[in-house]
Amino acid sequence: MRGSFVRVCVAVVALTAAACTTSREEPRLDMSTQESAKRSMEEVRASLSKEDQQRFNQAAAALVVNAVKPPQGEAPKDPAQVQAAINAALNGKTAAEVIAAGEALQAKGQTSGQGQQPAAGAP
């Protein structure tokens, strides 16, 4: 009886270890604190090839710019609003999700000022 119990325990440990190594999730950004944001950014970047790191950096920058720029004709956001907007734009996303969202913004021209209407009375 004891031998069967030991074999079952060994089997459970082996299956658990196998599941952990085969179902590893992509790292996600955690923007809950400055420390977790920095750590998770490093983890996400480390999981990428050099080419994808560059795509990720450009996409993340596009998302941040889009999150912090005020709508046309409105006053700039205060620092707390800026941080909240950045957190909302990036928190919980994988590298693939950041790249897809950032490249979609870039394709629309929303980070370069393209397509924006001038404010009333502007030349």
PDB file of N, CA and C in Angstrom:
ATOM      1  N   MET A   1       0.823  -1.194   0.000  1.00  0.00           N
ATOM      2  CA  MET A   1       0.000   0.000   0.000  1.00  0.00           C
ATOM      3  C   MET A   1       0.868   1.259   0.000  1.00  0.00           C
ATOM      4  N   ARG A   2       1.901   1.264   0.818  1.00  0.00           N
ATOM      5  CA  ARG A   2       2.766   2.430   0.893  1.00  0.00           C
ATOM      6  C   ARG A   2       3.465   2.672  -0.434  1.00  0.00           C
ATOM      7  N   GLY A   3       3.872   1.620  -1.122  1.00  0.00           N
ATOM      8  CA  GLY A   3       4.524   1.762  -2.422  1.00  0.00           C
ATOM      9  C   GLY A   3       3.605   2.402  -3.448  1.00  0.00           C
ATOM     10  N   SER A   4       2.332   2.062  -3.415  1.00  0.00           N
ATOM     11  CA  SER A   4       1.356   2.654  -4.339  1.00  0.00           C
ATOM     12  C   SER A   4       1.187   4.147  -4.069  1.00  0.00           C
ATOM     13  N   PHE A   5       1.136   4.506  -2.815  1.00  0.00           N
ATOM     14  CA  PHE A   5       0.996   5.907  -2.436  1.00  0.00           C
ATOM     15  C   PHE A   5       2.186   6.721  -2.931  1.00  0.00           C
ATOM     16  N   VAL A   6       3.383   6.184  -2.753  1.00  0.00           N
ATOM     17  CA  VAL A   6       4.592   6.881  -3.194  1.00  0.00           C
ATOM     18  C   VAL A   6       4.577   7.047  -4.713  1.00  0.00           C
ATOM     19  N   ARG A   7       4.184   5.988  -5.437  1.00  0.00           N
ATOM     20  CA  ARG A   7       4.130   6.081  -6.901  1.00  0.00           C
ATOM     21  C   ARG A   7       3.114   7.128  -7.356  1.00  0.00           C
ATOM     22  N   VAL A   8       1.976   7.193  -6.685  1.00  0.00           N
ATOM     23  CA  VAL A   8       0.957   8.189  -7.032  1.00  0.00           C
ATOM     24  C   VAL A   8       1.502   9.595  -6.773  1.00  0.00           C
ATOM     25  N   CYS A   9       2.163   9.785  -5.654  1.00  0.00           N
ATOM     26  CA  CYS A   9       2.738  11.102  -5.338  1.00  0.00           C
ATOM     27  C   CYS A   9       3.786  11.509  -6.370  1.00  0.00           C
ATOM     28  N   VAL A  10       4.644  10.570  -6.743  1.00  0.00           N
ATOM     29  CA  VAL A  10       5.669  10.856  -7.741  1.00  0.00           C
ATOM     30  C   VAL A  10       5.012  11.210  -9.077  1.00  0.00           C
ATOM     31  N   ALA A  11       3.967  10.481  -9.448  1.00  0.00           N
ATOM     32  CA  ALA A  11       3.267  10.756 -10.700  1.00  0.00           C
ATOM     33  C   ALA A  11       2.632  12.148 -10.679  1.00  0.00           C
ATOM     34  N   VAL A  12       2.013  12.519  -9.556  1.00  0.00           N
ATOM     35  CA  VAL A  12       1.383  13.836  -9.443  1.00  0.00           C
ATOM     36  C   VAL A  12       2.434  14.934  -9.562  1.00  0.00           C
ATOM     37  N   VAL A  13       3.568  14.779  -8.888  1.00  0.00           N
ATOM     38  CA  VAL A  13       4.637  15.779  -8.955  1.00  0.00           C
ATOM     39  C   VAL A  13       5.165  15.883 -10.384  1.00  0.00           C
ATOM     40  N   ALA A  14       5.370  14.748 -11.048  1.00  0.00           N
ATOM     41  CA  ALA A  14       5.880  14.755 -12.421  1.00  0.00           C
ATOM     42  C   ALA A  14       4.899  15.439 -13.373  1.00  0.00           C
ATOM     43  N   LEU A  15       3.615  15.139 -13.232  1.00  0.00           N
ATOM     44  CA  LEU A  15       2.616  15.774 -14.094  1.00  0.00           C
ATOM     45  C   LEU A  15       2.524  17.273 -13.839  1.00  0.00           C
ATOM     46  N   THR A  16       2.607  17.668 -12.596  1.00  0.00           N
ATOM     47  CA  THR A  16       2.565  19.093 -12.260  1.00  0.00           C
ATOM     48  C   THR A  16       3.757  19.819 -12.855  1.00  0.00           C
ATOM     49  N   ALA A  17       4.942  19.228 -12.730  1.00  0.00           N
ATOM     50  CA  ALA A  17       6.139  19.838 -13.298  1.00  0.00           C
ATOM     51  C   ALA A  17       6.041  19.922 -14.814  1.00  0.00           C
ATOM     52  N   ALA A  18       5.534  18.886 -15.442  1.00  0.00           N
ATOM     53  CA  ALA A  18       5.378  18.895 -16.899  1.00  0.00           C
ATOM     54  C   ALA A  18       4.382  19.960 -17.325  1.00  0.00           C
ATOM     55  N   ALA A  19       3.309  20.105 -16.598  1.00  0.00           N
ATOM     56  CA  ALA A  19       2.302  21.114 -16.938  1.00  0.00           C
ATOM     57  C   ALA A  19       2.875  22.521 -16.809  1.00  0.00           C
ATOM     58  N   CYS A  20       3.699  22.739 -15.820  1.00  0.00           N
ATOM     59  CA  CYS A  20       4.294  24.056 -15.621  1.00  0.00           C
ATOM     60  C   CYS A  20       5.239  24.417 -16.745  1.00  0.00           C
ATOM     61  N   THR A  21       5.973  23.456 -17.259  1.00  0.00           N
ATOM     62  CA  THR A  21       6.940  23.765 -18.302  1.00  0.00           C
ATOM     63  C   THR A  21       6.306  23.835 -19.680  1.00  0.00           C
ATOM     64  N   THR A  22       5.193  23.162 -19.907  1.00  0.00           N
ATOM     65  CA  THR A  22       4.596  23.160 -21.243  1.00  0.00           C
ATOM     66  C   THR A  22       3.522  24.220 -21.419  1.00  0.00           C
ATOM     67  N   SER A  23       2.939  24.731 -20.351  1.00  0.00           N
ATOM     68  CA  SER A  23       1.863  25.710 -20.489  1.00  0.00           C
ATOM     69  C   SER A  23       2.288  27.081 -19.980  1.00  0.00           C
ATOM     70  N   ARG A  24       3.532  27.401 -20.166  1.00  0.00           N
ATOM     71  CA  ARG A  24       4.024  28.692 -19.690  1.00  0.00           C
ATOM     72  C   ARG A  24       3.375  29.823 -20.482  1.00  0.00           C
ATOM     73  N   GLU A  25       2.788  30.741 -19.764  1.00  0.00           N
ATOM     74  CA  GLU A  25       2.133  31.878 -20.393  1.00  0.00           C
ATOM     75  C   GLU A  25       3.160  32.937 -20.755  1.00  0.00           C
ATOM     76  N   GLU A  26       2.776  33.750 -21.734  1.00  0.00           N
ATOM     77  CA  GLU A  26       3.601  34.898 -22.066  1.00  0.00           C
ATOM     78  C   GLU A  26       3.568  35.864 -20.886  1.00  0.00           C
ATOM     79  N   PRO A  27       4.684  36.524 -20.604  1.00  0.00           N
ATOM     80  CA  PRO A  27       4.669  37.507 -19.511  1.00  0.00           C
ATOM     81  C   PRO A  27       3.747  38.677 -19.858  1.00  0.00           C
ATOM     82  N   ARG A  28       3.116  39.211 -18.828  1.00  0.00           N
ATOM     83  CA  ARG A  28       2.204  40.342 -18.991  1.00  0.00           C
ATOM     84  C   ARG A  28       2.735  41.548 -18.229  1.00  0.00           C
ATOM     85  N   LEU A  29       2.383  42.706 -18.711  1.00  0.00           N
ATOM     86  CA  LEU A  29       2.781  43.942 -18.043  1.00  0.00           C
ATOM     87  C   LEU A  29       1.942  44.138 -16.787  1.00  0.00           C
ATOM     88  N   ASP A  30       2.614  44.497 -15.708  1.00  0.00           N
ATOM     89  CA  ASP A  30       1.963  44.777 -14.427  1.00  0.00           C
ATOM     90  C   ASP A  30       2.291  46.216 -14.071  1.00  0.00           C
ATOM     91  N   MET A  31       1.337  47.094 -14.272  1.00  0.00           N
ATOM     92  CA  MET A  31       1.563  48.516 -14.061  1.00  0.00           C
ATOM     93  C   MET A  31       1.056  48.997 -12.699  1.00  0.00           C
ATOM     94  N   SER A  32       0.865  48.077 -11.765  1.00  0.00           N
ATOM     95  CA  SER A  32       0.279  48.434 -10.473  1.00  0.00           C
ATOM     96  C   SER A  32       1.198  49.306  -9.620  1.00  0.00           C
ATOM     97  N   THR A  33       2.504  49.142  -9.746  1.00  0.00           N
ATOM     98  CA  THR A  33       3.464  49.999  -9.042  1.00  0.00           C
ATOM     99  C   THR A  33       4.622  50.288  -9.997  1.00  0.00           C
ATOM    100  N   GLN A  34       5.439  51.271  -9.663  1.00  0.00           N
ATOM    101  CA  GLN A  34       6.603  51.563 -10.511  1.00  0.00           C
ATOM    102  C   GLN A  34       7.550  50.375 -10.563  1.00  0.00           C
ATOM    103  N   GLU A  35       7.734  49.712  -9.419  1.00  0.00           N
ATOM    104  CA  GLU A  35       8.650  48.573  -9.362  1.00  0.00           C
ATOM    105  C   GLU A  35       8.142  47.411 -10.214  1.00  0.00           C
ATOM    106  N   SER A  36       6.841  47.110 -10.098  1.00  0.00           N
ATOM    107  CA  SER A  36       6.291  46.005 -10.886  1.00  0.00           C
ATOM    108  C   SER A  36       6.252  46.360 -12.367  1.00  0.00           C
ATOM    109  N   ALA A  37       6.043  47.621 -12.679  1.00  0.00           N
ATOM    110  CA  ALA A  37       6.049  48.051 -14.085  1.00  0.00           C
ATOM    111  C   ALA A  37       7.439  47.849 -14.686  1.00  0.00           C
ATOM    112  N   LYS A  38       8.460  48.274 -13.957  1.00  0.00           N
ATOM    113  CA  LYS A  38       9.824  48.121 -14.450  1.00  0.00           C
ATOM    114  C   LYS A  38      10.177  46.641 -14.601  1.00  0.00           C
ATOM    115  N   ARG A  39       9.860  45.850 -13.582  1.00  0.00           N
ATOM    116  CA  ARG A  39      10.186  44.428 -13.605  1.00  0.00           C
ATOM    117  C   ARG A  39       9.462  43.719 -14.740  1.00  0.00           C
ATOM    118  N   SER A  40       8.171  43.991 -14.893  1.00  0.00           N
ATOM    119  CA  SER A  40       7.407  43.301 -15.928  1.00  0.00           C
ATOM    120  C   SER A  40       7.826  43.749 -17.331  1.00  0.00           C
ATOM    121  N   MET A  41       8.191  45.010 -17.495  1.00  0.00           N
ATOM    122  CA  MET A  41       8.715  45.473 -18.792  1.00  0.00           C
ATOM    123  C   MET A  41       9.982  44.709 -19.149  1.00  0.00           C
ATOM    124  N   GLU A  42      10.862  44.543 -18.160  1.00  0.00           N
ATOM    125  CA  GLU A  42      12.104  43.803 -18.399  1.00  0.00           C
ATOM    126  C   GLU A  42      11.811  42.347 -18.756  1.00  0.00           C
ATOM    127  N   GLU A  43      10.850  41.738 -18.068  1.00  0.00           N
ATOM    128  CA  GLU A  43      10.487  40.342 -18.352  1.00  0.00           C
ATOM    129  C   GLU A  43       9.905  40.202 -19.749  1.00  0.00           C
ATOM    130  N   VAL A  44       9.028  41.122 -20.118  1.00  0.00           N
ATOM    131  CA  VAL A  44       8.417  41.070 -21.444  1.00  0.00           C
ATOM    132  C   VAL A  44       9.489  41.233 -22.513  1.00  0.00           C
ATOM    133  N   ARG A  45      10.340  42.234 -22.367  1.00  0.00           N
ATOM    134  CA  ARG A  45      11.398  42.462 -23.362  1.00  0.00           C
ATOM    135  C   ARG A  45      12.346  41.272 -23.460  1.00  0.00           C
ATOM    136  N   ALA A  46      12.684  40.676 -22.318  1.00  0.00           N
ATOM    137  CA  ALA A  46      13.611  39.534 -22.314  1.00  0.00           C
ATOM    138  C   ALA A  46      13.034  38.332 -23.045  1.00  0.00           C
ATOM    139  N   SER A  47      11.710  38.250 -23.148  1.00  0.00           N
ATOM    140  CA  SER A  47      11.081  37.112 -23.810  1.00  0.00           C
ATOM    141  C   SER A  47      11.034  37.274 -25.327  1.00  0.00           C
ATOM    142  N   LEU A  48      11.487  38.414 -25.835  1.00  0.00           N
ATOM    143  CA  LEU A  48      11.368  38.732 -27.259  1.00  0.00           C
ATOM    144  C   LEU A  48      12.705  38.672 -27.986  1.00  0.00           C
ATOM    145  N   SER A  49      12.634  38.464 -29.293  1.00  0.00           N
ATOM    146  CA  SER A  49      13.823  38.575 -30.136  1.00  0.00           C
ATOM    147  C   SER A  49      14.195  40.057 -30.232  1.00  0.00           C
ATOM    148  N   LYS A  50      15.385  40.349 -30.725  1.00  0.00           N
ATOM    149  CA  LYS A  50      15.818  41.753 -30.872  1.00  0.00           C
ATOM    150  C   LYS A  50      14.848  42.530 -31.767  1.00  0.00           C
ATOM    151  N   GLU A  51      14.421  41.898 -32.857  1.00  0.00           N
ATOM    152  CA  GLU A  51      13.491  42.558 -33.774  1.00  0.00           C
ATOM    153  C   GLU A  51      12.164  42.846 -33.086  1.00  0.00           C
ATOM    154  N   ASP A  52      11.649  41.857 -32.357  1.00  0.00           N
ATOM    155  CA  ASP A  52      10.376  42.055 -31.664  1.00  0.00           C
ATOM    156  C   ASP A  52      10.515  43.033 -30.503  1.00  0.00           C
ATOM    157  N   GLN A  53      11.690  43.119 -29.885  1.00  0.00           N
ATOM    158  CA  GLN A  53      11.901  44.113 -28.833  1.00  0.00           C
ATOM    159  C   GLN A  53      11.739  45.515 -29.407  1.00  0.00           C
ATOM    160  N   GLN A  54      12.276  45.727 -30.604  1.00  0.00           N
ATOM    161  CA  GLN A  54      12.155  47.036 -31.247  1.00  0.00           C
ATOM    162  C   GLN A  54      10.692  47.330 -31.582  1.00  0.00           C
ATOM    163  N   ARG A  55       9.984  46.347 -32.120  1.00  0.00           N
ATOM    164  CA  ARG A  55       8.558  46.523 -32.425  1.00  0.00           C
ATOM    165  C   ARG A  55       7.770  46.809 -31.147  1.00  0.00           C
ATOM    166  N   PHE A  56       8.089  46.076 -30.067  1.00  0.00           N
ATOM    167  CA  PHE A  56       7.415  46.278 -28.786  1.00  0.00           C
ATOM    168  C   PHE A  56       7.667  47.696 -28.269  1.00  0.00           C
ATOM    169  N   ASN A  57       8.922  48.141 -28.295  1.00  0.00           N
ATOM    170  CA  ASN A  57       9.253  49.481 -27.797  1.00  0.00           C
ATOM    171  C   ASN A  57       8.509  50.562 -28.567  1.00  0.00           C
ATOM    172  N   GLN A  58       8.469  50.436 -29.895  1.00  0.00           N
ATOM    173  CA  GLN A  58       7.770  51.425 -30.713  1.00  0.00           C
ATOM    174  C   GLN A  58       6.268  51.396 -30.441  1.00  0.00           C
ATOM    175  N   ALA A  59       5.713  50.209 -30.319  1.00  0.00           N
ATOM    176  CA  ALA A  59       4.279  50.078 -30.069  1.00  0.00           C
ATOM    177  C   ALA A  59       3.909  50.610 -28.690  1.00  0.00           C
ATOM    178  N   ALA A  60       4.716  50.285 -27.681  1.00  0.00           N
ATOM    179  CA  ALA A  60       4.445  50.777 -26.332  1.00  0.00           C
ATOM    180  C   ALA A  60       4.514  52.303 -26.301  1.00  0.00           C
ATOM    181  N   ALA A  61       5.497  52.869 -27.003  1.00  0.00           N
ATOM    182  CA  ALA A  61       5.599  54.328 -27.063  1.00  0.00           C
ATOM    183  C   ALA A  61       4.371  54.937 -27.725  1.00  0.00           C
ATOM    184  N   ALA A  62       3.875  54.300 -28.792  1.00  0.00           N
ATOM    185  CA  ALA A  62       2.669  54.799 -29.468  1.00  0.00           C
ATOM    186  C   ALA A  62       1.472  54.761 -28.526  1.00  0.00           C
ATOM    187  N   LEU A  63       1.341  53.683 -27.760  1.00  0.00           N
ATOM    188  CA  LEU A  63       0.222  53.582 -26.813  1.00  0.00           C
ATOM    189  C   LEU A  63       0.323  54.636 -25.724  1.00  0.00           C
ATOM    190  N   VAL A  64       1.525  54.880 -25.235  1.00  0.00           N
ATOM    191  CA  VAL A  64       1.714  55.876 -24.181  1.00  0.00           C
ATOM    192  C   VAL A  64       1.392  57.271 -24.709  1.00  0.00           C
ATOM    193  N   VAL A  65       1.912  57.608 -25.890  1.00  0.00           N
ATOM    194  CA  VAL A  65       1.636  58.926 -26.470  1.00  0.00           C
ATOM    195  C   VAL A  65       0.134  59.111 -26.661  1.00  0.00           C
ATOM    196  N   ASN A  66      -0.517  58.094 -27.184  1.00  0.00           N
ATOM    197  CA  ASN A  66      -1.964  58.183 -27.404  1.00  0.00           C
ATOM    198  C   ASN A  66      -2.725  58.322 -26.087  1.00  0.00           C
ATOM    199  N   ALA A  67      -2.240  57.657 -25.054  1.00  0.00           N
ATOM    200  CA  ALA A  67      -2.923  57.697 -23.759  1.00  0.00           C
ATOM    201  C   ALA A  67      -2.788  59.049 -23.074  1.00  0.00           C
ATOM    202  N   VAL A  68      -1.669  59.727 -23.266  1.00  0.00           N
ATOM    203  CA  VAL A  68      -1.423  60.954 -22.507  1.00  0.00           C
ATOM    204  C   VAL A  68      -1.791  62.229 -23.243  1.00  0.00           C
ATOM    205  N   LYS A  69      -1.926  62.163 -24.558  1.00  0.00           N
ATOM    206  CA  LYS A  69      -2.244  63.419 -25.250  1.00  0.00           C
ATOM    207  C   LYS A  69      -3.697  63.792 -25.012  1.00  0.00           C
ATOM    208  N   PRO A  70      -3.933  65.058 -24.693  1.00  0.00           N
ATOM    209  CA  PRO A  70      -5.318  65.488 -24.466  1.00  0.00           C
ATOM    210  C   PRO A  70      -6.045  65.613 -25.800  1.00  0.00           C
ATOM    211  N   PRO A  71      -7.350  65.415 -25.795  1.00  0.00           N
ATOM    212  CA  PRO A  71      -8.122  65.637 -27.019  1.00  0.00           C
ATOM    213  C   PRO A  71      -7.957  67.076 -27.490  1.00  0.00           C
ATOM    214  N   GLN A  72      -8.131  67.264 -28.775  1.00  0.00           N
ATOM    215  CA  GLN A  72      -7.982  68.588 -29.379  1.00  0.00           C
ATOM    216  C   GLN A  72      -8.805  69.624 -28.635  1.00  0.00           C
ATOM    217  N   GLY A  73      -8.158  70.721 -28.252  1.00  0.00           N
ATOM    218  CA  GLY A  73      -8.861  71.815 -27.605  1.00  0.00           C
ATOM    219  C   GLY A  73      -9.013  71.688 -26.101  1.00  0.00           C
ATOM    220  N   GLU A  74      -8.538  70.570 -25.503  1.00  0.00           N
ATOM    221  CA  GLU A  74      -8.641  70.397 -24.060  1.00  0.00           C
ATOM    222  C   GLU A  74      -7.309  70.677 -23.390  1.00  0.00           C
ATOM    223  N   ALA A  75      -7.379  71.004 -22.110  1.00  0.00           N
ATOM    224  CA  ALA A  75      -6.172  71.270 -21.333  1.00  0.00           C
ATOM    225  C   ALA A  75      -5.394  69.969 -21.125  1.00  0.00           C
ATOM    226  N   PRO A  76      -4.085  70.077 -20.961  1.00  0.00           N
ATOM    227  CA  PRO A  76      -3.285  68.875 -20.677  1.00  0.00           C
ATOM    228  C   PRO A  76      -3.757  68.193 -19.393  1.00  0.00           C
ATOM    229  N   LYS A  77      -3.539  66.898 -19.340  1.00  0.00           N
ATOM    230  CA  LYS A  77      -3.921  66.112 -18.171  1.00  0.00           C
ATOM    231  C   LYS A  77      -2.954  66.389 -17.026  1.00  0.00           C
ATOM    232  N   ASP A  78      -3.452  66.249 -15.786  1.00  0.00           N
ATOM    233  CA  ASP A  78      -2.557  66.379 -14.641  1.00  0.00           C
ATOM    234  C   ASP A  78      -1.761  65.075 -14.486  1.00  0.00           C
ATOM    235  N   PRO A  79      -0.665  65.087 -13.708  1.00  0.00           N
ATOM    236  CA  PRO A  79       0.198  63.896 -13.596  1.00  0.00           C
ATOM    237  C   PRO A  79      -0.528  62.622 -13.172  1.00  0.00           C
ATOM    238  N   ALA A  80      -1.496  62.729 -12.278  1.00  0.00           N
ATOM    239  CA  ALA A  80      -2.233  61.537 -11.842  1.00  0.00           C
ATOM    240  C   ALA A  80      -3.060  60.965 -12.988  1.00  0.00           C
ATOM    241  N   GLN A  81      -3.663  61.838 -13.789  1.00  0.00           N
ATOM    242  CA  GLN A  81      -4.430  61.379 -14.949  1.00  0.00           C
ATOM    243  C   GLN A  81      -3.516  60.745 -15.992  1.00  0.00           C
ATOM    244  N   VAL A  82      -2.341  61.323 -16.172  1.00  0.00           N
ATOM    245  CA  VAL A  82      -1.374  60.781 -17.131  1.00  0.00           C
ATOM    246  C   VAL A  82      -0.970  59.369 -16.723  1.00  0.00           C
ATOM    247  N   GLN A  83      -0.616  59.197 -15.454  1.00  0.00           N
ATOM    248  CA  GLN A  83      -0.192  57.876 -14.982  1.00  0.00           C
ATOM    249  C   GLN A  83      -1.328  56.866 -15.095  1.00  0.00           C
ATOM    250  N   ALA A  84      -2.534  57.267 -14.760  1.00  0.00           N
ATOM    251  CA  ALA A  84      -3.683  56.373 -14.864  1.00  0.00           C
ATOM    252  C   ALA A  84      -3.941  55.966 -16.316  1.00  0.00           C
ATOM    253  N   ALA A  85      -3.771  56.909 -17.239  1.00  0.00           N
ATOM    254  CA  ALA A  85      -3.982  56.612 -18.656  1.00  0.00           C
ATOM    255  C   ALA A  85      -2.920  55.654 -19.182  1.00  0.00           C
ATOM    256  N   ILE A  86      -1.679  55.840 -18.768  1.00  0.00           N
ATOM    257  CA  ILE A  86      -0.594  54.926 -19.180  1.00  0.00           C
ATOM    258  C   ILE A  86      -0.863  53.535 -18.623  1.00  0.00           C
ATOM    259  N   ASN A  87      -1.204  53.471 -17.350  1.00  0.00           N
ATOM    260  CA  ASN A  87      -1.493  52.180 -16.719  1.00  0.00           C
ATOM    261  C   ASN A  87      -2.622  51.457 -17.446  1.00  0.00           C
ATOM    262  N   ALA A  88      -3.686  52.177 -17.762  1.00  0.00           N
ATOM    263  CA  ALA A  88      -4.827  51.563 -18.442  1.00  0.00           C
ATOM    264  C   ALA A  88      -4.453  51.075 -19.839  1.00  0.00           C
ATOM    265  N   ALA A  89      -3.565  51.791 -20.511  1.00  0.00           N
ATOM    266  CA  ALA A  89      -3.177  51.426 -21.873  1.00  0.00           C
ATOM    267  C   ALA A  89      -2.299  50.182 -21.914  1.00  0.00           C
ATOM    268  N   LEU A  90      -1.525  49.931 -20.856  1.00  0.00           N
ATOM    269  CA  LEU A  90      -0.537  48.849 -20.886  1.00  0.00           C
ATOM    270  C   LEU A  90      -0.808  47.697 -19.928  1.00  0.00           C
ATOM    271  N   ASN A  91      -1.482  47.944 -18.822  1.00  0.00           N
ATOM    272  CA  ASN A  91      -1.611  46.940 -17.770  1.00  0.00           C
ATOM    273  C   ASN A  91      -2.274  45.647 -18.258  1.00  0.00           C
ATOM    274  N   GLY A  92      -1.634  44.527 -17.933  1.00  0.00           N
ATOM    275  CA  GLY A  92      -2.186  43.215 -18.235  1.00  0.00           C
ATOM    276  C   GLY A  92      -1.946  42.724 -19.642  1.00  0.00           C
ATOM    277  N   LYS A  93      -1.304  43.531 -20.474  1.00  0.00           N
ATOM    278  CA  LYS A  93      -1.090  43.141 -21.868  1.00  0.00           C
ATOM    279  C   LYS A  93       0.191  42.320 -22.031  1.00  0.00           C
ATOM    280  N   THR A  94       0.154  41.403 -22.996  1.00  0.00           N
ATOM    281  CA  THR A  94       1.354  40.675 -23.404  1.00  0.00           C
ATOM    282  C   THR A  94       2.074  41.512 -24.448  1.00  0.00           C
ATOM    283  N   ALA A  95       3.282  41.109 -24.804  1.00  0.00           N
ATOM    284  CA  ALA A  95       4.019  41.808 -25.854  1.00  0.00           C
ATOM    285  C   ALA A  95       3.230  41.797 -27.155  1.00  0.00           C
ATOM    286  N   ALA A  96       2.640  40.661 -27.486  1.00  0.00           N
ATOM    287  CA  ALA A  96       1.880  40.554 -28.733  1.00  0.00           C
ATOM    288  C   ALA A  96       0.692  41.515 -28.735  1.00  0.00           C
ATOM    289  N   GLU A  97       0.038  41.657 -27.590  1.00  0.00           N
ATOM    290  CA  GLU A  97      -1.106  42.570 -27.494  1.00  0.00           C
ATOM    291  C   GLU A  97      -0.663  44.023 -27.604  1.00  0.00           C
ATOM    292  N   VAL A  98       0.466  44.370 -26.995  1.00  0.00           N
ATOM    293  CA  VAL A  98       0.997  45.730 -27.088  1.00  0.00           C
ATOM    294  C   VAL A  98       1.373  46.037 -28.530  1.00  0.00           C
ATOM    295  N   ILE A  99       2.069  45.097 -29.171  1.00  0.00           N
ATOM    296  CA  ILE A  99       2.498  45.312 -30.556  1.00  0.00           C
ATOM    297  C   ILE A  99       1.284  45.490 -31.467  1.00  0.00           C
ATOM    298  N   ALA A 100       0.295  44.639 -31.328  1.00  0.00           N
ATOM    299  CA  ALA A 100      -0.902  44.735 -32.176  1.00  0.00           C
ATOM    300  C   ALA A 100      -1.618  46.074 -31.972  1.00  0.00           C
ATOM    301  N   ALA A 101      -1.808  46.467 -30.722  1.00  0.00           N
ATOM    302  CA  ALA A 101      -2.515  47.721 -30.430  1.00  0.00           C
ATOM    303  C   ALA A 101      -1.707  48.930 -30.890  1.00  0.00           C
ATOM    304  N   GLY A 102      -0.408  48.917 -30.633  1.00  0.00           N
ATOM    305  CA  GLY A 102       0.440  50.042 -31.028  1.00  0.00           C
ATOM    306  C   GLY A 102       0.547  50.177 -32.534  1.00  0.00           C
ATOM    307  N   GLU A 103       0.690  49.058 -33.228  1.00  0.00           N
ATOM    308  CA  GLU A 103       0.780  49.111 -34.685  1.00  0.00           C
ATOM    309  C   GLU A 103      -0.545  49.543 -35.301  1.00  0.00           C
ATOM    310  N   ALA A 104      -1.659  49.179 -34.675  1.00  0.00           N
ATOM    311  CA  ALA A 104      -2.963  49.639 -35.162  1.00  0.00           C
ATOM    312  C   ALA A 104      -3.079  51.157 -35.020  1.00  0.00           C
ATOM    313  N   LEU A 105      -2.620  51.700 -33.902  1.00  0.00           N
ATOM    314  CA  LEU A 105      -2.629  53.155 -33.714  1.00  0.00           C
ATOM    315  C   LEU A 105      -1.738  53.841 -34.737  1.00  0.00           C
ATOM    316  N   GLN A 106      -0.547  53.281 -34.939  1.00  0.00           N
ATOM    317  CA  GLN A 106       0.376  53.871 -35.900  1.00  0.00           C
ATOM    318  C   GLN A 106      -0.199  53.835 -37.305  1.00  0.00           C
ATOM    319  N   ALA A 107      -0.885  52.763 -37.653  1.00  0.00           N
ATOM    320  CA  ALA A 107      -1.487  52.654 -38.979  1.00  0.00           C
ATOM    321  C   ALA A 107      -2.578  53.705 -39.177  1.00  0.00           C
ATOM    322  N   LYS A 108      -3.283  54.035 -38.097  1.00  0.00           N
ATOM    323  CA  LYS A 108      -4.325  55.062 -38.165  1.00  0.00           C
ATOM    324  C   LYS A 108      -3.740  56.469 -38.113  1.00  0.00           C
ATOM    325  N   GLY A 109      -2.467  56.587 -37.781  1.00  0.00           N
ATOM    326  CA  GLY A 109      -1.848  57.901 -37.688  1.00  0.00           C
ATOM    327  C   GLY A 109      -2.216  58.650 -36.434  1.00  0.00           C
ATOM    328  N   GLN A 110      -2.692  57.943 -35.412  1.00  0.00           N
ATOM    329  CA  GLN A 110      -3.169  58.619 -34.206  1.00  0.00           C
ATOM    330  C   GLN A 110      -2.055  59.047 -33.264  1.00  0.00           C
ATOM    331  N   THR A 111      -0.827  58.654 -33.521  1.00  0.00           N
ATOM    332  CA  THR A 111       0.243  59.077 -32.619  1.00  0.00           C
ATOM    333  C   THR A 111       1.093  60.172 -33.223  1.00  0.00           C
ATOM    334  N   SER A 112       0.864  60.492 -34.474  1.00  0.00           N
ATOM    335  CA  SER A 112       1.698  61.497 -35.116  1.00  0.00           C
ATOM    336  C   SER A 112       0.958  62.790 -35.400  1.00  0.00           C
ATOM    337  N   GLY A 113      -0.295  62.864 -34.961  1.00  0.00           N
ATOM    338  CA  GLY A 113      -1.070  64.065 -35.195  1.00  0.00           C
ATOM    339  C   GLY A 113      -1.789  64.046 -36.533  1.00  0.00           C
ATOM    340  N   GLN A 114      -1.613  63.009 -37.330  1.00  0.00           N
ATOM    341  CA  GLN A 114      -2.289  62.923 -38.614  1.00  0.00           C
ATOM    342  C   GLN A 114      -3.778  62.725 -38.394  1.00  0.00           C
ATOM    343  N   GLY A 115      -4.556  63.311 -39.248  1.00  0.00           N
ATOM    344  CA  GLY A 115      -5.984  63.099 -39.194  1.00  0.00           C
ATOM    345  C   GLY A 115      -6.702  63.913 -38.133  1.00  0.00           C
ATOM    346  N   GLN A 116      -5.984  64.750 -37.382  1.00  0.00           N
ATOM    347  CA  GLN A 116      -6.644  65.560 -36.373  1.00  0.00           C
ATOM    348  C   GLN A 116      -7.137  66.839 -37.014  1.00  0.00           C
ATOM    349  N   GLN A 117      -8.295  67.284 -36.604  1.00  0.00           N
ATOM    350  CA  GLN A 117      -8.862  68.523 -37.110  1.00  0.00           C
ATOM    351  C   GLN A 117      -8.281  69.691 -36.321  1.00  0.00           C
ATOM    352  N   PRO A 118      -7.957  70.790 -36.984  1.00  0.00           N
ATOM    353  CA  PRO A 118      -7.469  71.954 -36.237  1.00  0.00           C
ATOM    354  C   PRO A 118      -8.574  72.508 -35.340  1.00  0.00           C
ATOM    355  N   ALA A 119      -8.173  73.114 -34.237  1.00  0.00           N
ATOM    356  CA  ALA A 119      -9.129  73.709 -33.317  1.00  0.00           C
ATOM    357  C   ALA A 119      -9.791  74.904 -33.995  1.00  0.00           C
ATOM    358  N   ALA A 120     -10.979  75.219 -33.550  1.00  0.00           N
ATOM    359  CA  ALA A 120     -11.701  76.361 -34.109  1.00  0.00           C
ATOM    360  C   ALA A 120     -10.856  77.613 -33.953  1.00  0.00           C
ATOM    361  N   GLY A 121     -10.731  78.364 -35.053  1.00  0.00           N
ATOM    362  CA  GLY A 121      -9.948  79.587 -35.002  1.00  0.00           C
ATOM    363  C   GLY A 121      -8.475  79.389 -35.262  1.00  0.00           C
ATOM    364  N   ALA A 122      -8.034  78.125 -35.403  1.00  0.00           N
ATOM    365  CA  ALA A 122      -6.615  77.863 -35.675  1.00  0.00           C
ATOM    366  C   ALA A 122      -6.353  78.097 -37.152  1.00  0.00           C
ATOM    367  N   PRO A 123      -5.145  78.529 -37.505  1.00  0.00           N
ATOM    368  CA  PRO A 123      -4.837  78.796 -38.912  1.00  0.00           C
ATOM    369  C   PRO A 123      -4.783  77.545 -39.733  1.00  0.00           C
TER     370      PRO A 123
END
